[in-house]
Amino acid sequence: MGHALPEEAQTLQFTEDELRKLESVRRSRTEEERRARRAAFLLDSLSGQGNQTIAQHHHVTRSTVVLCVQKCLEFGSDRLGAELCGPEAQGLRYS
């Protein structure tokens, strides 16, 4: 029985404005912790860090990081942008 080849890995891509918004959420002291953490996961992933490294740095499981990145790739601004940054982030696009 043959094994299917893995699909080409999708990568996160953000505009400069989107990056500024994510950085702002990550650094915010008043933002909800889960939103700040999710923004950090995405930015760390974008910088080339592996899921396990990100998970260890943020003291979460690898699957938590993977799920966050997968949701970003799958749902884009329809779901994750609003979760991360609130209604004003509806314009965020995740490619």
C-alpha atoms as a PDB file:
ATOM      1  CA  MET A   1       0.000   0.000   0.000  1.00  0.00           C
ATOM      2  CA  GLY A   2       1.561   3.335  -1.063  1.00  0.00           C
ATOM      3  CA  HIS A   3       1.774   6.431   1.036  1.00  0.00           C
ATOM      4  CA  ALA A   4       0.411   9.695  -0.243  1.00  0.00           C
ATOM      5  CA  LEU A   5       2.940  12.443  -0.673  1.00  0.00           C
ATOM      6  CA  PRO A   6       2.501  15.282   1.794  1.00  0.00           C
ATOM      7  CA  GLU A   7       0.834  18.358   0.391  1.00  0.00           C
ATOM      8  CA  GLU A   8       3.012  21.399  -0.115  1.00  0.00           C
ATOM      9  CA  ALA A   9       3.209  23.244   3.176  1.00  0.00           C
ATOM     10  CA  GLN A  10       1.240  26.462   3.313  1.00  0.00           C
ATOM     11  CA  THR A  11       2.935  29.468   4.798  1.00  0.00           C
ATOM     12  CA  LEU A  12       1.530  32.443   6.608  1.00  0.00           C
ATOM     13  CA  GLN A  13       1.700  35.743   4.768  1.00  0.00           C
ATOM     14  CA  PHE A  14       0.723  39.132   6.151  1.00  0.00           C
ATOM     15  CA  THR A  15       0.704  42.687   4.852  1.00  0.00           C
ATOM     16  CA  GLU A  16       2.711  45.355   6.696  1.00  0.00           C
ATOM     17  CA  ASP A  17      -0.501  46.659   8.272  1.00  0.00           C
ATOM     18  CA  GLU A  18      -1.476  43.175   9.431  1.00  0.00           C
ATOM     19  CA  LEU A  19       1.964  42.651  10.941  1.00  0.00           C
ATOM     20  CA  ARG A  20       1.678  45.937  12.845  1.00  0.00           C
ATOM     21  CA  LYS A  21      -1.725  44.888  14.211  1.00  0.00           C
ATOM     22  CA  LEU A  22      -0.447  41.468  15.280  1.00  0.00           C
ATOM     23  CA  GLU A  23       2.638  43.016  16.916  1.00  0.00           C
ATOM     24  CA  SER A  24       0.399  45.474  18.739  1.00  0.00           C
ATOM     25  CA  VAL A  25      -1.804  42.673  20.077  1.00  0.00           C
ATOM     26  CA  ARG A  26       1.224  40.628  21.121  1.00  0.00           C
ATOM     27  CA  ARG A  27       2.782  43.543  23.066  1.00  0.00           C
ATOM     28  CA  SER A  28      -0.440  44.843  24.602  1.00  0.00           C
ATOM     29  CA  ARG A  29      -0.720  44.752  28.379  1.00  0.00           C
ATOM     30  CA  THR A  30      -4.487  45.165  28.287  1.00  0.00           C
ATOM     31  CA  GLU A  31      -5.303  42.659  25.522  1.00  0.00           C
ATOM     32  CA  GLU A  32      -6.849  39.355  26.524  1.00  0.00           C
ATOM     33  CA  GLU A  33      -4.025  36.883  27.180  1.00  0.00           C
ATOM     34  CA  ARG A  34      -5.263  34.245  24.741  1.00  0.00           C
ATOM     35  CA  ARG A  35      -5.394  36.783  21.911  1.00  0.00           C
ATOM     36  CA  ALA A  36      -1.895  38.028  22.684  1.00  0.00           C
ATOM     37  CA  ARG A  37      -0.637  34.449  22.806  1.00  0.00           C
ATOM     38  CA  ARG A  38      -2.256  33.567  19.469  1.00  0.00           C
ATOM     39  CA  ALA A  39      -0.731  36.626  17.839  1.00  0.00           C
ATOM     40  CA  ALA A  40       2.648  35.549  19.215  1.00  0.00           C
ATOM     41  CA  PHE A  41       2.189  32.020  17.819  1.00  0.00           C
ATOM     42  CA  LEU A  42       1.495  33.423  14.351  1.00  0.00           C
ATOM     43  CA  LEU A  43       4.355  35.898  14.418  1.00  0.00           C
ATOM     44  CA  ASP A  44       6.785  33.284  15.726  1.00  0.00           C
ATOM     45  CA  SER A  45       5.662  30.847  13.038  1.00  0.00           C
ATOM     46  CA  LEU A  46       6.065  33.517  10.387  1.00  0.00           C
ATOM     47  CA  SER A  47       9.636  34.135  11.583  1.00  0.00           C
ATOM     48  CA  GLY A  48      10.469  30.499  10.858  1.00  0.00           C
ATOM     49  CA  GLN A  49      10.323  28.980  14.335  1.00  0.00           C
ATOM     50  CA  GLY A  50       9.074  25.409  14.508  1.00  0.00           C
ATOM     51  CA  ASN A  51       5.819  24.493  16.239  1.00  0.00           C
ATOM     52  CA  GLN A  52       7.587  22.594  19.027  1.00  0.00           C
ATOM     53  CA  THR A  53       9.932  25.525  19.705  1.00  0.00           C
ATOM     54  CA  ILE A  54       7.008  27.956  19.832  1.00  0.00           C
ATOM     55  CA  ALA A  55       5.090  25.644  22.158  1.00  0.00           C
ATOM     56  CA  GLN A  56       8.023  25.287  24.548  1.00  0.00           C
ATOM     57  CA  HIS A  57       8.631  29.037  24.583  1.00  0.00           C
ATOM     58  CA  HIS A  58       4.986  29.784  25.443  1.00  0.00           C
ATOM     59  CA  HIS A  59       4.509  26.767  27.755  1.00  0.00           C
ATOM     60  CA  VAL A  60       1.714  25.214  25.711  1.00  0.00           C
ATOM     61  CA  THR A  61       1.381  21.959  23.806  1.00  0.00           C
ATOM     62  CA  ARG A  62       2.559  21.658  20.221  1.00  0.00           C
ATOM     63  CA  SER A  63      -1.008  20.848  19.160  1.00  0.00           C
ATOM     64  CA  THR A  64      -2.178  24.227  20.514  1.00  0.00           C
ATOM     65  CA  VAL A  65       0.260  26.007  18.207  1.00  0.00           C
ATOM     66  CA  VAL A  66      -0.551  23.769  15.242  1.00  0.00           C
ATOM     67  CA  LEU A  67      -4.283  24.349  15.687  1.00  0.00           C
ATOM     68  CA  CYS A  68      -3.837  28.119  15.836  1.00  0.00           C
ATOM     69  CA  VAL A  69      -1.752  28.206  12.661  1.00  0.00           C
ATOM     70  CA  GLN A  70      -4.095  25.794  10.863  1.00  0.00           C
ATOM     71  CA  LYS A  71      -7.130  27.913  11.748  1.00  0.00           C
ATOM     72  CA  CYS A  72      -5.344  30.969  10.460  1.00  0.00           C
ATOM     73  CA  LEU A  73      -4.573  29.257   7.159  1.00  0.00           C
ATOM     74  CA  GLU A  74      -8.030  27.719   6.828  1.00  0.00           C
ATOM     75  CA  PHE A  75     -10.380  30.425   8.040  1.00  0.00           C
ATOM     76  CA  GLY A  76      -8.351  33.599   7.645  1.00  0.00           C
ATOM     77  CA  SER A  77      -9.898  36.870   8.715  1.00  0.00           C
ATOM     78  CA  ASP A  78     -13.409  35.388   8.781  1.00  0.00           C
ATOM     79  CA  ARG A  79     -12.679  33.823  12.135  1.00  0.00           C
ATOM     80  CA  LEU A  80      -9.182  34.242  13.463  1.00  0.00           C
ATOM     81  CA  GLY A  81      -8.740  37.952  12.788  1.00  0.00           C
ATOM     82  CA  ALA A  82     -11.810  38.751  14.844  1.00  0.00           C
ATOM     83  CA  GLU A  83     -10.699  36.375  17.602  1.00  0.00           C
ATOM     84  CA  LEU A  84      -7.272  37.942  17.781  1.00  0.00           C
ATOM     85  CA  CYS A  85      -7.926  41.613  17.381  1.00  0.00           C
ATOM     86  CA  GLY A  86     -11.643  42.217  17.762  1.00  0.00           C
ATOM     87  CA  PRO A  87     -14.087  43.660  15.237  1.00  0.00           C
ATOM     88  CA  GLU A  88     -11.616  46.245  13.909  1.00  0.00           C
ATOM     89  CA  ALA A  89      -9.435  43.396  12.609  1.00  0.00           C
ATOM     90  CA  GLN A  90     -12.011  42.038  10.204  1.00  0.00           C
ATOM     91  CA  GLY A  91      -9.811  43.381   7.411  1.00  0.00           C
ATOM     92  CA  LEU A  92      -6.919  41.041   8.271  1.00  0.00           C
ATOM     93  CA  ARG A  93      -6.161  38.583   5.467  1.00  0.00           C
ATOM     94  CA  TYR A  94      -4.204  35.379   5.963  1.00  0.00           C
ATOM     95  CA  SER A  95      -2.794  33.842   2.793  1.00  0.00           C
END
